[in-house]
C-alpha atoms as a PDB file:
ATOM      1  CA  MET A   1      23.199 -18.015   0.944  1.00  0.00           C
ATOM      2  CA  PHE A   2      22.331 -18.445   4.769  1.00  0.00           C
ATOM      3  CA  ASP A   3      19.007 -20.212   4.557  1.00  0.00           C
ATOM      4  CA  VAL A   4      16.748 -18.879   7.090  1.00  0.00           C
ATOM      5  CA  ASN A   5      14.161 -21.311   6.873  1.00  0.00           C
ATOM      6  CA  ALA A   6      16.268 -24.344   7.167  1.00  0.00           C
ATOM      7  CA  PHE A   7      17.720 -22.702  10.656  1.00  0.00           C
ATOM      8  CA  LEU A   8      14.388 -22.673  12.149  1.00  0.00           C
ATOM      9  CA  SER A   9      13.644 -25.917  11.075  1.00  0.00           C
ATOM     10  CA  TYR A  10      16.531 -27.430  13.180  1.00  0.00           C
ATOM     11  CA  LEU A  11      15.826 -25.274  16.450  1.00  0.00           C
ATOM     12  CA  THR A  12      13.099 -28.035  16.685  1.00  0.00           C
ATOM     13  CA  ASN A  13      14.820 -30.844  15.232  1.00  0.00           C
ATOM     14  CA  ALA A  14      14.077 -34.021  16.989  1.00  0.00           C
ATOM     15  CA  TYR A  15      17.638 -35.282  16.207  1.00  0.00           C
ATOM     16  CA  LEU A  16      19.346 -32.206  17.211  1.00  0.00           C
ATOM     17  CA  LEU A  17      17.269 -32.261  20.774  1.00  0.00           C
ATOM     18  CA  GLN A  18      18.390 -35.779  21.535  1.00  0.00           C
ATOM     19  CA  GLY A  19      21.925 -34.686  21.441  1.00  0.00           C
ATOM     20  CA  VAL A  20      20.832 -31.684  23.937  1.00  0.00           C
ATOM     21  CA  LEU A  21      19.834 -34.281  25.846  1.00  0.00           C
ATOM     22  CA  VAL A  22      22.781 -36.491  25.897  1.00  0.00           C
ATOM     23  CA  THR A  23      25.000 -33.049  26.404  1.00  0.00           C
ATOM     24  CA  ILE A  24      22.790 -31.704  29.777  1.00  0.00           C
ATOM     25  CA  GLY A  25      23.393 -35.334  31.138  1.00  0.00           C
ATOM     26  CA  LEU A  26      26.779 -35.553  30.251  1.00  0.00           C
ATOM     27  CA  THR A  27      27.287 -32.405  31.994  1.00  0.00           C
ATOM     28  CA  VAL A  28      25.716 -33.046  35.120  1.00  0.00           C
ATOM     29  CA  ALA A  29      27.039 -36.302  35.627  1.00  0.00           C
ATOM     30  CA  THR A  30      30.842 -34.704  34.994  1.00  0.00           C
ATOM     31  CA  MET A  31      30.220 -32.708  37.423  1.00  0.00           C
ATOM     32  CA  ILE A  32      28.626 -34.607  40.148  1.00  0.00           C
ATOM     33  CA  ILE A  33      31.683 -37.492  39.923  1.00  0.00           C
ATOM     34  CA  GLY A  34      34.405 -34.265  39.225  1.00  0.00           C
ATOM     35  CA  LEU A  35      33.109 -32.785  42.499  1.00  0.00           C
ATOM     36  CA  ILE A  36      33.793 -36.272  44.521  1.00  0.00           C
ATOM     37  CA  LEU A  37      37.055 -36.468  42.506  1.00  0.00           C
ATOM     38  CA  GLY A  38      38.272 -32.900  43.207  1.00  0.00           C
ATOM     39  CA  THR A  39      37.279 -32.789  47.003  1.00  0.00           C
ATOM     40  CA  GLY A  40      39.649 -35.950  47.707  1.00  0.00           C
ATOM     41  CA  LEU A  41      41.968 -34.382  46.122  1.00  0.00           C
ATOM     42  CA  ALA A  42      41.741 -31.218  47.009  1.00  0.00           C
ATOM     43  CA  LEU A  43      41.862 -32.452  51.087  1.00  0.00           C
ATOM     44  CA  LEU A  44      44.939 -34.855  49.480  1.00  0.00           C
ATOM     45  CA  ARG A  45      47.188 -31.827  48.626  1.00  0.00           C
ATOM     46  CA  MET A  46      46.802 -30.638  52.091  1.00  0.00           C
ATOM     47  CA  ALA A  47      47.258 -33.605  53.847  1.00  0.00           C
ATOM     48  CA  PRO A  48      50.681 -32.358  55.602  1.00  0.00           C
ATOM     49  CA  SER A  49      52.656 -35.618  54.219  1.00  0.00           C
ATOM     50  CA  TYR A  50      54.627 -34.771  51.530  1.00  0.00           C
ATOM     51  CA  TRP A  51      54.363 -38.483  50.612  1.00  0.00           C
ATOM     52  CA  VAL A  52      50.180 -37.570  50.915  1.00  0.00           C
ATOM     53  CA  SER A  53      50.186 -34.564  49.047  1.00  0.00           C
ATOM     54  CA  ALA A  54      52.493 -35.333  46.163  1.00  0.00           C
ATOM     55  CA  PRO A  55      50.091 -37.930  43.768  1.00  0.00           C
ATOM     56  CA  ALA A  56      47.629 -35.590  44.167  1.00  0.00           C
ATOM     57  CA  ARG A  57      50.208 -32.454  42.849  1.00  0.00           C
ATOM     58  CA  PHE A  58      51.376 -34.852  40.067  1.00  0.00           C
ATOM     59  CA  TYR A  59      47.665 -35.726  39.017  1.00  0.00           C
ATOM     60  CA  VAL A  60      46.748 -31.914  38.897  1.00  0.00           C
ATOM     61  CA  TRP A  61      50.119 -31.136  36.815  1.00  0.00           C
ATOM     62  CA  ILE A  62      48.717 -34.090  34.431  1.00  0.00           C
ATOM     63  CA  PHE A  63      45.739 -32.845  33.599  1.00  0.00           C
ATOM     64  CA  ARG A  64      45.541 -29.212  34.288  1.00  0.00           C
ATOM     65  CA  GLY A  65      48.808 -29.398  31.967  1.00  0.00           C
ATOM     66  CA  THR A  66      47.691 -31.114  28.678  1.00  0.00           C
ATOM     67  CA  PRO A  67      44.544 -30.837  26.344  1.00  0.00           C
ATOM     68  CA  LEU A  68      41.364 -32.020  27.040  1.00  0.00           C
ATOM     69  CA  LEU A  69      41.461 -33.095  23.921  1.00  0.00           C
ATOM     70  CA  VAL A  70      44.522 -35.810  24.034  1.00  0.00           C
ATOM     71  CA  GLN A  71      42.937 -36.980  27.285  1.00  0.00           C
ATOM     72  CA  LEU A  72      39.764 -37.573  25.083  1.00  0.00           C
ATOM     73  CA  VAL A  73      42.097 -39.589  22.597  1.00  0.00           C
ATOM     74  CA  LEU A  74      44.194 -40.995  24.404  1.00  0.00           C
ATOM     75  CA  ILE A  75      41.431 -42.738  26.559  1.00  0.00           C
ATOM     76  CA  TYR A  76      39.193 -43.315  24.376  1.00  0.00           C
ATOM     77  CA  THR A  77      42.073 -45.023  22.327  1.00  0.00           C
ATOM     78  CA  GLY A  78      44.791 -46.064  24.635  1.00  0.00           C
ATOM     79  CA  LEU A  79      42.732 -48.230  27.402  1.00  0.00           C
ATOM     80  CA  PRO A  80      42.477 -50.886  24.901  1.00  0.00           C
ATOM     81  CA  GLN A  81      45.823 -51.264  24.167  1.00  0.00           C
ATOM     82  CA  LEU A  82      45.839 -52.112  28.248  1.00  0.00           C
ATOM     83  CA  GLY A  83      42.947 -54.587  27.824  1.00  0.00           C
ATOM     84  CA  ILE A  84      40.520 -51.951  29.333  1.00  0.00           C
ATOM     85  CA  LYS A  85      37.754 -51.617  26.494  1.00  0.00           C
ATOM     86  CA  LEU A  86      35.423 -48.518  27.491  1.00  0.00           C
ATOM     87  CA  GLY A  87      32.404 -47.847  24.861  1.00  0.00           C
ATOM     88  CA  VAL A  88      32.226 -44.034  23.763  1.00  0.00           C
ATOM     89  CA  LEU A  89      30.083 -42.960  26.762  1.00  0.00           C
ATOM     90  CA  PRO A  90      32.401 -44.449  29.653  1.00  0.00           C
ATOM     91  CA  SER A  91      35.555 -43.074  27.738  1.00  0.00           C
ATOM     92  CA  ALA A  92      33.632 -39.433  27.341  1.00  0.00           C
ATOM     93  CA  LEU A  93      32.760 -39.267  31.083  1.00  0.00           C
ATOM     94  CA  LEU A  94      35.756 -40.645  32.443  1.00  0.00           C
ATOM     95  CA  ALA A  95      37.941 -38.114  30.326  1.00  0.00           C
ATOM     96  CA  LEU A  96      35.946 -35.288  31.310  1.00  0.00           C
ATOM     97  CA  SER A  97      35.502 -36.237  34.598  1.00  0.00           C
ATOM     98  CA  LEU A  98      39.008 -36.656  35.537  1.00  0.00           C
ATOM     99  CA  ASN A  99      40.154 -33.414  33.608  1.00  0.00           C
ATOM    100  CA  GLU A 100      37.139 -31.591  35.409  1.00  0.00           C
ATOM    101  CA  ALA A 101      38.256 -33.008  39.118  1.00  0.00           C
ATOM    102  CA  ALA A 102      41.897 -31.522  38.937  1.00  0.00           C
ATOM    103  CA  TYR A 103      40.346 -27.829  38.584  1.00  0.00           C
ATOM    104  CA  LEU A 104      37.515 -28.397  40.848  1.00  0.00           C
ATOM    105  CA  SER A 105      40.237 -29.647  43.490  1.00  0.00           C
ATOM    106  CA  GLU A 106      42.353 -26.369  43.036  1.00  0.00           C
ATOM    107  CA  THR A 107      38.806 -24.216  43.337  1.00  0.00           C
ATOM    108  CA  ILE A 108      37.391 -26.467  46.571  1.00  0.00           C
ATOM    109  CA  ARG A 109      41.504 -26.117  48.312  1.00  0.00           C
ATOM    110  CA  GLY A 110      41.021 -22.253  47.444  1.00  0.00           C
ATOM    111  CA  GLY A 111      37.764 -22.509  49.523  1.00  0.00           C
ATOM    112  CA  PHE A 112      39.564 -24.443  52.128  1.00  0.00           C
ATOM    113  CA  ASN A 113      42.147 -21.523  52.945  1.00  0.00           C
ATOM    114  CA  GLY A 114      39.518 -19.322  52.243  1.00  0.00           C
ATOM    115  CA  VAL A 115      38.508 -20.548  55.967  1.00  0.00           C
ATOM    116  CA  ALA A 116      39.689 -18.565  58.598  1.00  0.00           C
ATOM    117  CA  LYS A 117      42.223 -21.011  60.702  1.00  0.00           C
ATOM    118  CA  GLY A 118      40.281 -19.816  64.040  1.00  0.00           C
ATOM    119  CA  GLN A 119      37.052 -22.033  62.925  1.00  0.00           C
ATOM    120  CA  ARG A 120      39.645 -25.034  62.955  1.00  0.00           C
ATOM    121  CA  GLU A 121      40.929 -23.960  66.660  1.00  0.00           C
ATOM    122  CA  ALA A 122      37.261 -23.340  67.444  1.00  0.00           C
ATOM    123  CA  ALA A 123      36.179 -26.996  66.796  1.00  0.00           C
ATOM    124  CA  HIS A 124      38.669 -28.129  68.516  1.00  0.00           C
ATOM    125  CA  ALA A 125      37.912 -26.782  71.435  1.00  0.00           C
ATOM    126  CA  LEU A 126      34.926 -27.690  71.744  1.00  0.00           C
ATOM    127  CA  GLY A 127      36.267 -31.312  70.939  1.00  0.00           C
ATOM    128  CA  LEU A 128      34.940 -31.882  67.643  1.00  0.00           C
ATOM    129  CA  SER A 129      36.864 -34.680  65.738  1.00  0.00           C
ATOM    130  CA  ARG A 130      38.544 -34.161  62.401  1.00  0.00           C
ATOM    131  CA  TRP A 131      35.414 -35.587  60.672  1.00  0.00           C
ATOM    132  CA  ASN A 132      32.886 -33.548  62.556  1.00  0.00           C
ATOM    133  CA  THR A 133      35.381 -30.314  61.820  1.00  0.00           C
ATOM    134  CA  LEU A 134      34.763 -31.133  57.919  1.00  0.00           C
ATOM    135  CA  ARG A 135      31.293 -32.227  58.153  1.00  0.00           C
ATOM    136  CA  LEU A 136      29.672 -29.403  60.118  1.00  0.00           C
ATOM    137  CA  VAL A 137      32.923 -26.200  60.063  1.00  0.00           C
ATOM    138  CA  LEU A 138      34.111 -26.576  57.383  1.00  0.00           C
ATOM    139  CA  MET A 139      32.532 -28.187  54.064  1.00  0.00           C
ATOM    140  CA  PRO A 140      29.107 -25.526  54.581  1.00  0.00           C
ATOM    141  CA  GLN A 141      31.750 -22.920  54.622  1.00  0.00           C
ATOM    142  CA  VAL A 142      34.086 -23.795  51.678  1.00  0.00           C
ATOM    143  CA  ALA A 143      30.154 -24.573  49.397  1.00  0.00           C
ATOM    144  CA  ARG A 144      29.787 -20.648  50.211  1.00  0.00           C
ATOM    145  CA  LEU A 145      33.187 -19.540  48.733  1.00  0.00           C
ATOM    146  CA  ILE A 146      33.165 -22.117  45.831  1.00  0.00           C
ATOM    147  CA  ILE A 147      29.659 -21.347  44.649  1.00  0.00           C
ATOM    148  CA  PRO A 148      30.526 -18.766  42.021  1.00  0.00           C
ATOM    149  CA  PRO A 149      33.837 -20.480  40.318  1.00  0.00           C
ATOM    150  CA  LEU A 150      32.019 -23.936  40.185  1.00  0.00           C
ATOM    151  CA  GLY A 151      29.146 -22.165  38.733  1.00  0.00           C
ATOM    152  CA  ASN A 152      31.668 -21.184  36.128  1.00  0.00           C
ATOM    153  CA  SER A 153      33.605 -23.949  35.825  1.00  0.00           C
ATOM    154  CA  LEU A 154      29.914 -26.170  35.132  1.00  0.00           C
ATOM    155  CA  ASN A 155      29.382 -23.918  32.446  1.00  0.00           C
ATOM    156  CA  GLY A 156      32.711 -24.110  30.668  1.00  0.00           C
ATOM    157  CA  LEU A 157      32.157 -28.249  30.918  1.00  0.00           C
ATOM    158  CA  LEU A 158      29.059 -27.669  29.520  1.00  0.00           C
ATOM    159  CA  LYS A 159      30.986 -26.168  25.938  1.00  0.00           C
ATOM    160  CA  ALA A 160      33.512 -28.786  26.641  1.00  0.00           C
ATOM    161  CA  THR A 161      31.479 -31.637  26.289  1.00  0.00           C
ATOM    162  CA  SER A 162      31.431 -30.482  22.261  1.00  0.00           C
ATOM    163  CA  LEU A 163      35.507 -31.420  22.384  1.00  0.00           C
ATOM    164  CA  ALA A 164      33.615 -35.824  22.891  1.00  0.00           C
ATOM    165  CA  SER A 165      31.979 -35.048  19.309  1.00  0.00           C
ATOM    166  CA  VAL A 166      36.096 -36.118  18.228  1.00  0.00           C
ATOM    167  CA  ILE A 167      35.148 -39.698  19.536  1.00  0.00           C
ATOM    168  CA  SER A 168      32.001 -39.755  17.799  1.00  0.00           C
ATOM    169  CA  LEU A 169      30.047 -39.318  21.165  1.00  0.00           C
ATOM    170  CA  GLU A 170      26.518 -38.399  19.853  1.00  0.00           C
ATOM    171  CA  GLU A 171      26.371 -35.202  22.135  1.00  0.00           C
ATOM    172  CA  LEU A 172      24.817 -31.714  20.405  1.00  0.00           C
ATOM    173  CA  MET A 173      28.014 -31.033  18.259  1.00  0.00           C
ATOM    174  CA  ARG A 174      28.543 -34.358  16.953  1.00  0.00           C
ATOM    175  CA  ARG A 175      24.775 -34.476  15.711  1.00  0.00           C
ATOM    176  CA  SER A 176      25.362 -31.247  14.365  1.00  0.00           C
ATOM    177  CA  GLN A 177      28.265 -32.737  12.319  1.00  0.00           C
ATOM    178  CA  VAL A 178      26.286 -35.408  11.114  1.00  0.00           C
ATOM    179  CA  LEU A 179      23.551 -33.404  10.397  1.00  0.00           C
ATOM    180  CA  MET A 180      25.922 -31.069   8.032  1.00  0.00           C
ATOM    181  CA  GLN A 181      27.887 -34.141   6.201  1.00  0.00           C
ATOM    182  CA  GLU A 182      24.196 -35.168   5.028  1.00  0.00           C
ATOM    183  CA  ARG A 183      22.942 -31.704   3.809  1.00  0.00           C
ATOM    184  CA  PHE A 184      25.709 -29.782   3.588  1.00  0.00           C
ATOM    185  CA  GLU A 185      24.184 -27.185   5.650  1.00  0.00           C
ATOM    186  CA  VAL A 186      27.072 -26.045   7.521  1.00  0.00           C
ATOM    187  CA  LEU A 187      26.649 -22.712   8.322  1.00  0.00           C
ATOM    188  CA  GLU A 188      23.039 -22.881   9.436  1.00  0.00           C
ATOM    189  CA  LEU A 189      23.609 -26.044  11.714  1.00  0.00           C
ATOM    190  CA  TYR A 190      26.638 -24.504  13.731  1.00  0.00           C
ATOM    191  CA  CYS A 191      24.613 -20.844  13.873  1.00  0.00           C
ATOM    192  CA  VAL A 192      21.615 -23.507  15.313  1.00  0.00           C
ATOM    193  CA  ALA A 193      24.350 -25.248  17.742  1.00  0.00           C
ATOM    194  CA  ALA A 194      25.504 -21.837  19.313  1.00  0.00           C
ATOM    195  CA  VAL A 195      21.917 -20.875  19.901  1.00  0.00           C
ATOM    196  CA  TYR A 196      21.678 -24.427  21.862  1.00  0.00           C
ATOM    197  CA  TYR A 197      24.466 -23.560  24.010  1.00  0.00           C
ATOM    198  CA  LEU A 198      23.797 -19.897  24.480  1.00  0.00           C
ATOM    199  CA  VAL A 199      20.176 -21.201  25.860  1.00  0.00           C
ATOM    200  CA  LEU A 200      21.919 -23.634  27.962  1.00  0.00           C
ATOM    201  CA  THR A 201      24.516 -21.561  29.504  1.00  0.00           C
ATOM    202  CA  THR A 202      21.725 -18.465  29.958  1.00  0.00           C
ATOM    203  CA  LEU A 203      19.544 -20.903  31.796  1.00  0.00           C
ATOM    204  CA  TRP A 204      22.702 -22.127  34.362  1.00  0.00           C
ATOM    205  CA  ASN A 205      23.384 -18.437  34.549  1.00  0.00           C
ATOM    206  CA  LEU A 206      19.834 -17.910  36.353  1.00  0.00           C
ATOM    207  CA  VAL A 207      20.299 -20.984  38.470  1.00  0.00           C
ATOM    208  CA  GLN A 208      24.023 -20.325  39.483  1.00  0.00           C
ATOM    209  CA  VAL A 209      22.435 -16.002  40.821  1.00  0.00           C
ATOM    210  CA  ARG A 210      20.253 -17.368  42.323  1.00  0.00           C
ATOM    211  CA  LEU A 211      21.957 -20.220  43.799  1.00  0.00           C
ATOM    212  CA  GLU A 212      25.132 -17.396  44.907  1.00  0.00           C
ATOM    213  CA  ALA A 213      22.006 -14.889  46.594  1.00  0.00           C
ATOM    214  CA  HIS A 214      20.423 -17.949  48.441  1.00  0.00           C
ATOM    215  CA  TYR A 215      24.158 -18.788  49.938  1.00  0.00           C
ATOM    216  CA  GLY A 216      25.358 -15.036  50.605  1.00  0.00           C
ATOM    217  CA  ARG A 217      22.300 -14.531  52.036  1.00  0.00           C
ATOM    218  CA  GLY A 218      23.047 -15.869  55.663  1.00  0.00           C
ATOM    219  CA  TYR A 219      26.721 -14.371  55.334  1.00  0.00           C
ATOM    220  CA  ALA A 220      25.566 -11.165  54.526  1.00  0.00           C
ATOM    221  CA  GLU A 221      23.406 -10.395  57.421  1.00  0.00           C
ATOM    222  CA  THR A 222      25.801 -12.027  59.346  1.00  0.00           C
ATOM    223  CA  ALA A 223      28.222  -9.636  58.455  1.00  0.00           C
ATOM    224  CA  ALA A 224      25.971  -6.711  58.274  1.00  0.00           C
ATOM    225  CA  ALA A 225      24.690  -7.261  62.285  1.00  0.00           C
ATOM    226  CA  PRO A 226      27.960  -5.996  63.784  1.00  0.00           C
ATOM    227  CA  LYS A 227      27.525  -2.490  61.893  1.00  0.00           C
ATOM    228  CA  ASN A 228      24.272  -1.913  62.859  1.00  0.00           C
ATOM    229  CA  GLY A 229      25.385  -2.580  66.354  1.00  0.00           C
ATOM    230  CA  ALA A 230      27.851  -0.452  65.879  1.00  0.00           C
ATOM    231  CA  ALA A 231      25.609   2.159  64.674  1.00  0.00           C
ATOM    232  CA  LEU A 232      23.191   1.545  67.631  1.00  0.00           C
ATOM    233  CA  ALA A 233      25.908   2.158  69.591  1.00  0.00           C
ATOM    234  CA  ALA A 234      27.360   5.488  68.181  1.00  0.00           C
ATOM    235  CA  ASN A 235      23.636   7.257  67.897  1.00  0.00           C
ATOM    236  CA  PRO A 236      21.761   6.123  71.092  1.00  0.00           C
ATOM    237  CA  ALA A 237      18.017   6.954  71.089  1.00  0.00           C
END
């Protein structure tokens, strides 16, 4: 029988709330590292040289083609056999970041491909260096294009952190499992964990909507300007 009182009490359980904080911190840290690595991978994949782009393609193939759960276990148990000893948290952060970077690199590469080639040509005609072209011309436009898929990636990453429980990282899911083993209230604790994840993803969705509206505003105004000008020309006062 589902115990409503136990369910309600777990919603404010300090032990679980600490797990929520670990989940949030792990998600944010993974996304930051993944973005940095993913941007580098995307630039390497777009390099004209085969010997530069091939290793990046191989990396993406490996990490997108194998389950994250397997990657977590291999990094946590395999690296010590090579003399590289990492704790639970560094192992989880490394595995999640490497996996996320592979997916984000494709998102970022798609953003670069979505920028018109004329933008690069115009920057070259103005005498901008490659670095300034990337920093001043391309990246602002890429950022606007990739915000929706990036938001979806973070949403998925927030839930994927639960897989770190298999290597005993005490995030939300692992702490829920510990309480299940102690108190045998499995359904109640799974429902509480689901509520926490639902709240976190809902809050992030609200932030994502604001970000999309903010970064899409300038583009929408620019796109509307020619239409308004055409309308005025067609209907002069």
